[in-house]
């Protein structure tokens, strides 16, 4: 086998939020009376992702962390600007400001248990590297996922987060493996950036038309659209 270990991101790789950000902000625009078809929903999702990524990059470069309420208002503004022909409307924005963001719940992405079990059965060592909160390891234990992983490295616990390669190096040290023997699996451009900067190959969970931003000077080693497609690349 080319790889001895496979390291996973968590959010939108093993677990997903419901409703997701695209669904939330599309629904908020529909609340304003906009008629949004499936194609436009996908475009709004891209706008939300791009806007979010831009802010993350700013914060990674030293900008202060944006409070949640300001972040949500920024995404509202970006989505509205997209569907409202490049215009801003203070009345619409005020309505959105007073419209609560629905509470999201975490769900295991269908097929995750099966994929992890197949990898484990084939002798792969499995781990997690995630930009997440301190409660994540306990949550993974609660839902039965932690049993698959030798090490779970969480940014809020170790004090560094992707794309800082130190978080990946912690996992490599815990596994006592060289970077060339590991594959990282994640859905975010920062996953590709962090993995490749650390010398780790990366499988990017992304649709075929997704493009890595200029801030990521690397190409993924594999591109998959569903987690089970990973098996075709490593088995």
Protein backbone atom coordinates (compact mmCIF):
# COMPACT_ATOMS: atom_id res chain seq x y z
CA UNK A 1 0.00 0.00 0.00
CA UNK A 2 1.23 3.50 -0.82
CA UNK A 3 -0.17 4.90 2.44
CA UNK A 4 -0.01 3.51 5.93
CA UNK A 5 -2.39 6.04 7.47
CA UNK A 6 -5.32 8.16 6.35
CA UNK A 7 -6.04 11.36 8.27
CA UNK A 8 -9.48 12.92 8.08
CA UNK A 9 -11.00 16.34 8.44
CA UNK A 10 -14.36 16.21 10.24
CA UNK A 11 -16.73 19.01 9.21
CA UNK A 12 -18.33 18.27 5.81
CA UNK A 13 -16.05 15.25 5.49
CA UNK A 14 -17.32 12.86 8.16
CA UNK A 15 -20.01 15.01 9.74
CA UNK A 16 -22.35 17.55 8.18
CA UNK A 17 -24.45 20.37 9.58
CA UNK A 18 -28.16 20.38 8.89
CA UNK A 19 -29.27 22.71 7.56
CA UNK A 20 -25.96 23.63 5.91
CA UNK A 21 -24.89 27.21 5.20
CA UNK A 22 -26.15 27.16 1.62
CA UNK A 23 -29.58 26.00 2.77
CA UNK A 24 -29.68 28.59 5.55
CA UNK A 25 -28.87 31.59 3.39
CA UNK A 26 -31.03 30.47 0.47
CA UNK A 27 -33.96 30.11 2.85
CA UNK A 28 -33.30 33.58 4.26
CA UNK A 29 -33.43 35.06 0.76
CA UNK A 30 -36.65 33.17 0.03
CA UNK A 31 -38.06 34.75 3.19
CA UNK A 32 -37.53 38.11 1.47
CA UNK A 33 -39.58 36.92 -1.50
CA UNK A 34 -36.84 36.01 -3.97
CA UNK A 35 -37.65 33.17 -6.37
CA UNK A 36 -34.57 30.95 -6.32
CA UNK A 37 -34.20 27.86 -8.50
CA UNK A 38 -31.78 24.96 -7.99
CA UNK A 39 -29.10 26.48 -10.24
CA UNK A 40 -29.18 29.74 -8.33
CA UNK A 41 -29.05 27.87 -5.03
CA UNK A 42 -25.75 26.30 -6.11
CA UNK A 43 -24.41 29.71 -7.15
CA UNK A 44 -25.39 31.21 -3.81
CA UNK A 45 -23.58 28.33 -2.11
CA UNK A 46 -20.40 29.26 -4.00
CA UNK A 47 -20.77 32.92 -3.00
CA UNK A 48 -21.19 31.94 0.64
CA UNK A 49 -18.12 29.67 0.50
CA UNK A 50 -15.96 32.29 -1.25
CA UNK A 51 -16.98 35.02 1.19
CA UNK A 52 -16.33 32.77 4.16
CA UNK A 53 -12.94 31.72 2.76
CA UNK A 54 -11.87 35.33 2.22
CA UNK A 55 -12.58 36.12 5.87
CA UNK A 56 -10.76 33.00 7.06
CA UNK A 57 -7.70 33.99 5.01
CA UNK A 58 -7.75 37.48 6.56
CA UNK A 59 -7.88 35.99 10.05
CA UNK A 60 -5.09 33.56 9.22
CA UNK A 61 -3.02 36.58 8.17
CA UNK A 62 -3.53 38.33 11.50
CA UNK A 63 -6.92 40.04 11.27
CA UNK A 64 -9.01 39.77 14.47
CA UNK A 65 -11.58 36.99 14.55
CA UNK A 66 -14.93 38.31 13.39
CA UNK A 67 -17.78 37.88 15.91
CA UNK A 68 -20.42 35.38 14.84
CA UNK A 69 -23.14 38.01 14.43
CA UNK A 70 -20.95 40.13 12.15
CA UNK A 71 -19.93 37.05 10.17
CA UNK A 72 -23.57 36.09 9.62
CA UNK A 73 -24.40 39.65 8.54
CA UNK A 74 -21.49 39.57 6.08
CA UNK A 75 -22.82 36.36 4.49
CA UNK A 76 -26.35 37.82 4.32
CA UNK A 77 -24.96 40.86 2.54
CA UNK A 78 -22.95 38.76 0.07
CA UNK A 79 -25.90 36.50 -0.79
CA UNK A 80 -28.28 39.44 -1.16
CA UNK A 81 -25.82 41.35 -3.34
CA UNK A 82 -25.60 38.32 -5.64
CA UNK A 83 -29.34 37.84 -6.17
CA UNK A 84 -30.29 41.53 -6.13
CA UNK A 85 -28.37 42.46 -9.27
CA UNK A 86 -25.35 43.82 -7.47
CA UNK A 87 -27.36 46.17 -5.29
CA UNK A 88 -27.66 46.59 -1.56
CA UNK A 89 -30.94 47.25 0.15
CA UNK A 90 -30.87 48.51 3.72
CA UNK A 91 -34.48 47.44 4.32
CA UNK A 92 -33.77 43.88 3.22
CA UNK A 93 -30.60 43.79 5.31
CA UNK A 94 -32.48 45.04 8.35
CA UNK A 95 -35.11 42.33 7.86
CA UNK A 96 -32.38 39.69 7.66
CA UNK A 97 -30.68 41.13 10.73
CA UNK A 98 -33.83 40.47 12.74
CA UNK A 99 -34.38 36.99 11.28
CA UNK A 100 -32.80 34.38 13.57
CA UNK A 101 -30.30 31.89 12.19
CA UNK A 102 -31.73 28.37 12.63
CA UNK A 103 -29.94 26.05 15.00
CA UNK A 104 -27.84 23.48 13.16
CA UNK A 105 -27.47 19.85 14.17
CA UNK A 106 -24.56 17.57 13.37
CA UNK A 107 -25.19 14.41 11.42
CA UNK A 108 -22.88 11.61 10.34
CA UNK A 109 -22.63 11.74 6.56
CA UNK A 110 -24.24 8.58 5.11
CA UNK A 111 -21.69 5.87 4.34
CA UNK A 112 -19.04 7.18 6.75
CA UNK A 113 -19.07 4.18 9.10
CA UNK A 114 -18.87 1.76 6.19
CA UNK A 115 -15.90 3.53 4.57
CA UNK A 116 -13.96 3.77 7.83
CA UNK A 117 -14.59 0.11 8.61
CA UNK A 118 -13.38 -0.99 5.16
CA UNK A 119 -10.21 1.07 5.54
CA UNK A 120 -9.62 -0.34 9.01
CA UNK A 121 -10.17 -3.90 7.75
CA UNK A 122 -7.56 -3.31 5.04
CA UNK A 123 -5.00 -2.34 7.66
CA UNK A 124 -4.96 1.44 7.34
CA UNK A 125 -4.26 3.45 10.47
CA UNK A 126 -6.80 6.26 10.81
CA UNK A 127 -6.62 9.68 12.47
CA UNK A 128 -8.36 13.04 12.63
CA UNK A 129 -7.03 16.58 12.21
CA UNK A 130 -9.80 19.14 12.55
CA UNK A 131 -10.31 22.84 13.13
CA UNK A 132 -12.91 22.32 15.81
CA UNK A 133 -13.97 22.84 19.41
CA UNK A 134 -12.70 21.05 22.50
CA UNK A 135 -15.88 18.96 22.72
CA UNK A 136 -15.29 17.16 19.41
CA UNK A 137 -13.44 14.08 20.78
CA UNK A 138 -16.20 13.40 23.31
CA UNK A 139 -18.82 13.87 20.61
CA UNK A 140 -17.06 11.42 18.30
CA UNK A 141 -17.02 8.92 21.15
CA UNK A 142 -20.73 9.48 21.79
CA UNK A 143 -21.70 8.75 18.19
CA UNK A 144 -19.34 5.79 17.82
CA UNK A 145 -16.75 7.27 15.45
CA UNK A 146 -13.77 7.64 17.80
CA UNK A 147 -13.24 3.86 17.83
CA UNK A 148 -11.75 4.10 14.34
CA UNK A 149 -9.05 6.65 15.13
CA UNK A 150 -5.64 6.27 16.79
CA UNK A 151 -5.33 9.99 17.38
CA UNK A 152 -7.75 12.92 17.21
CA UNK A 153 -6.07 16.33 16.90
CA UNK A 154 -8.39 19.29 17.44
CA UNK A 155 -7.33 22.89 16.87
CA UNK A 156 -8.94 24.37 19.99
CA UNK A 157 -7.15 21.75 22.10
CA UNK A 158 -3.65 22.07 20.58
CA UNK A 159 -3.74 25.83 19.94
CA UNK A 160 -3.03 25.83 16.19
CA UNK A 161 -5.36 25.36 13.25
CA UNK A 162 -5.21 24.57 9.56
CA UNK A 163 -3.59 25.73 7.34
CA UNK A 164 -0.78 25.97 9.93
CA UNK A 165 1.23 22.80 9.27
CA UNK A 166 1.98 22.35 12.97
CA UNK A 167 -1.45 20.82 13.51
CA UNK A 168 -0.70 18.21 10.84
CA UNK A 169 2.74 17.58 12.30
CA UNK A 170 1.18 16.81 15.68
CA UNK A 171 -0.83 14.01 14.07
CA UNK A 172 2.24 12.73 12.21
CA UNK A 173 4.21 12.68 15.47
CA UNK A 174 1.39 10.87 17.26
CA UNK A 175 1.31 8.27 14.49
CA UNK A 176 5.13 8.13 14.31
CA UNK A 177 4.91 8.18 10.53
CA UNK A 178 6.64 10.11 7.79
CA UNK A 179 4.40 12.53 5.86
CA UNK A 180 4.90 10.55 2.65
CA UNK A 181 3.15 7.57 4.23
CA UNK A 182 -0.04 9.51 5.00
CA UNK A 183 -3.01 10.80 3.03
CA UNK A 184 -5.23 13.64 4.23
CA UNK A 185 -8.92 13.82 3.31
CA UNK A 186 -10.82 17.10 3.57
CA UNK A 187 -13.37 19.33 1.88
CA UNK A 188 -11.83 22.80 2.29
CA UNK A 189 -9.10 24.51 0.22
CA UNK A 190 -7.19 24.98 3.50
CA UNK A 191 -7.16 21.19 3.82
CA UNK A 192 -5.25 20.95 0.56
CA UNK A 193 -2.94 23.83 1.55
CA UNK A 194 -2.16 22.45 5.00
CA UNK A 195 -1.61 18.89 3.84
CA UNK A 196 0.62 19.75 0.89
CA UNK A 197 2.67 22.26 2.90
CA UNK A 198 3.25 19.48 5.43
CA UNK A 199 4.32 17.05 2.70
CA UNK A 200 1.15 14.97 2.97
CA UNK A 201 -0.83 13.90 -0.10
CA UNK A 202 -4.42 15.14 -0.13
CA UNK A 203 -7.77 13.85 -1.34
CA UNK A 204 -10.06 16.84 -1.81
CA UNK A 205 -13.79 16.32 -1.36
CA UNK A 206 -15.10 18.72 -3.98
CA UNK A 207 -17.32 18.83 -7.02
CA UNK A 208 -15.63 18.55 -10.40
CA UNK A 209 -16.02 22.27 -11.15
CA UNK A 210 -14.58 23.55 -7.85
CA UNK A 211 -11.42 25.62 -8.28
CA UNK A 212 -8.77 26.11 -5.63
CA UNK A 213 -8.22 29.81 -4.83
CA UNK A 214 -4.97 31.58 -5.68
CA UNK A 215 -3.97 31.35 -2.01
CA UNK A 216 -3.49 27.58 -2.50
CA UNK A 217 -0.41 27.07 -4.73
CA UNK A 218 -0.94 23.30 -4.90
CA UNK A 219 -3.17 20.82 -6.64
CA UNK A 220 -4.89 18.01 -4.81
CA UNK A 221 -3.58 14.48 -5.46
CA UNK A 222 -7.08 13.04 -5.72
CA UNK A 223 -10.46 14.65 -6.15
CA UNK A 224 -13.53 12.83 -4.87
CA UNK A 225 -17.14 13.91 -4.63
CA UNK A 226 -18.27 11.31 -2.09
CA UNK A 227 -16.27 9.70 0.71
CA UNK A 228 -16.73 6.17 -0.65
CA UNK A 229 -14.82 7.20 -3.81
CA UNK A 230 -11.72 7.33 -1.62
CA UNK A 231 -11.69 3.53 -1.61
CA UNK A 232 -11.08 3.48 -5.36
CA UNK A 233 -7.88 5.50 -4.86
CA UNK A 234 -6.29 3.73 -1.92
CA UNK A 235 -7.37 0.09 -2.06
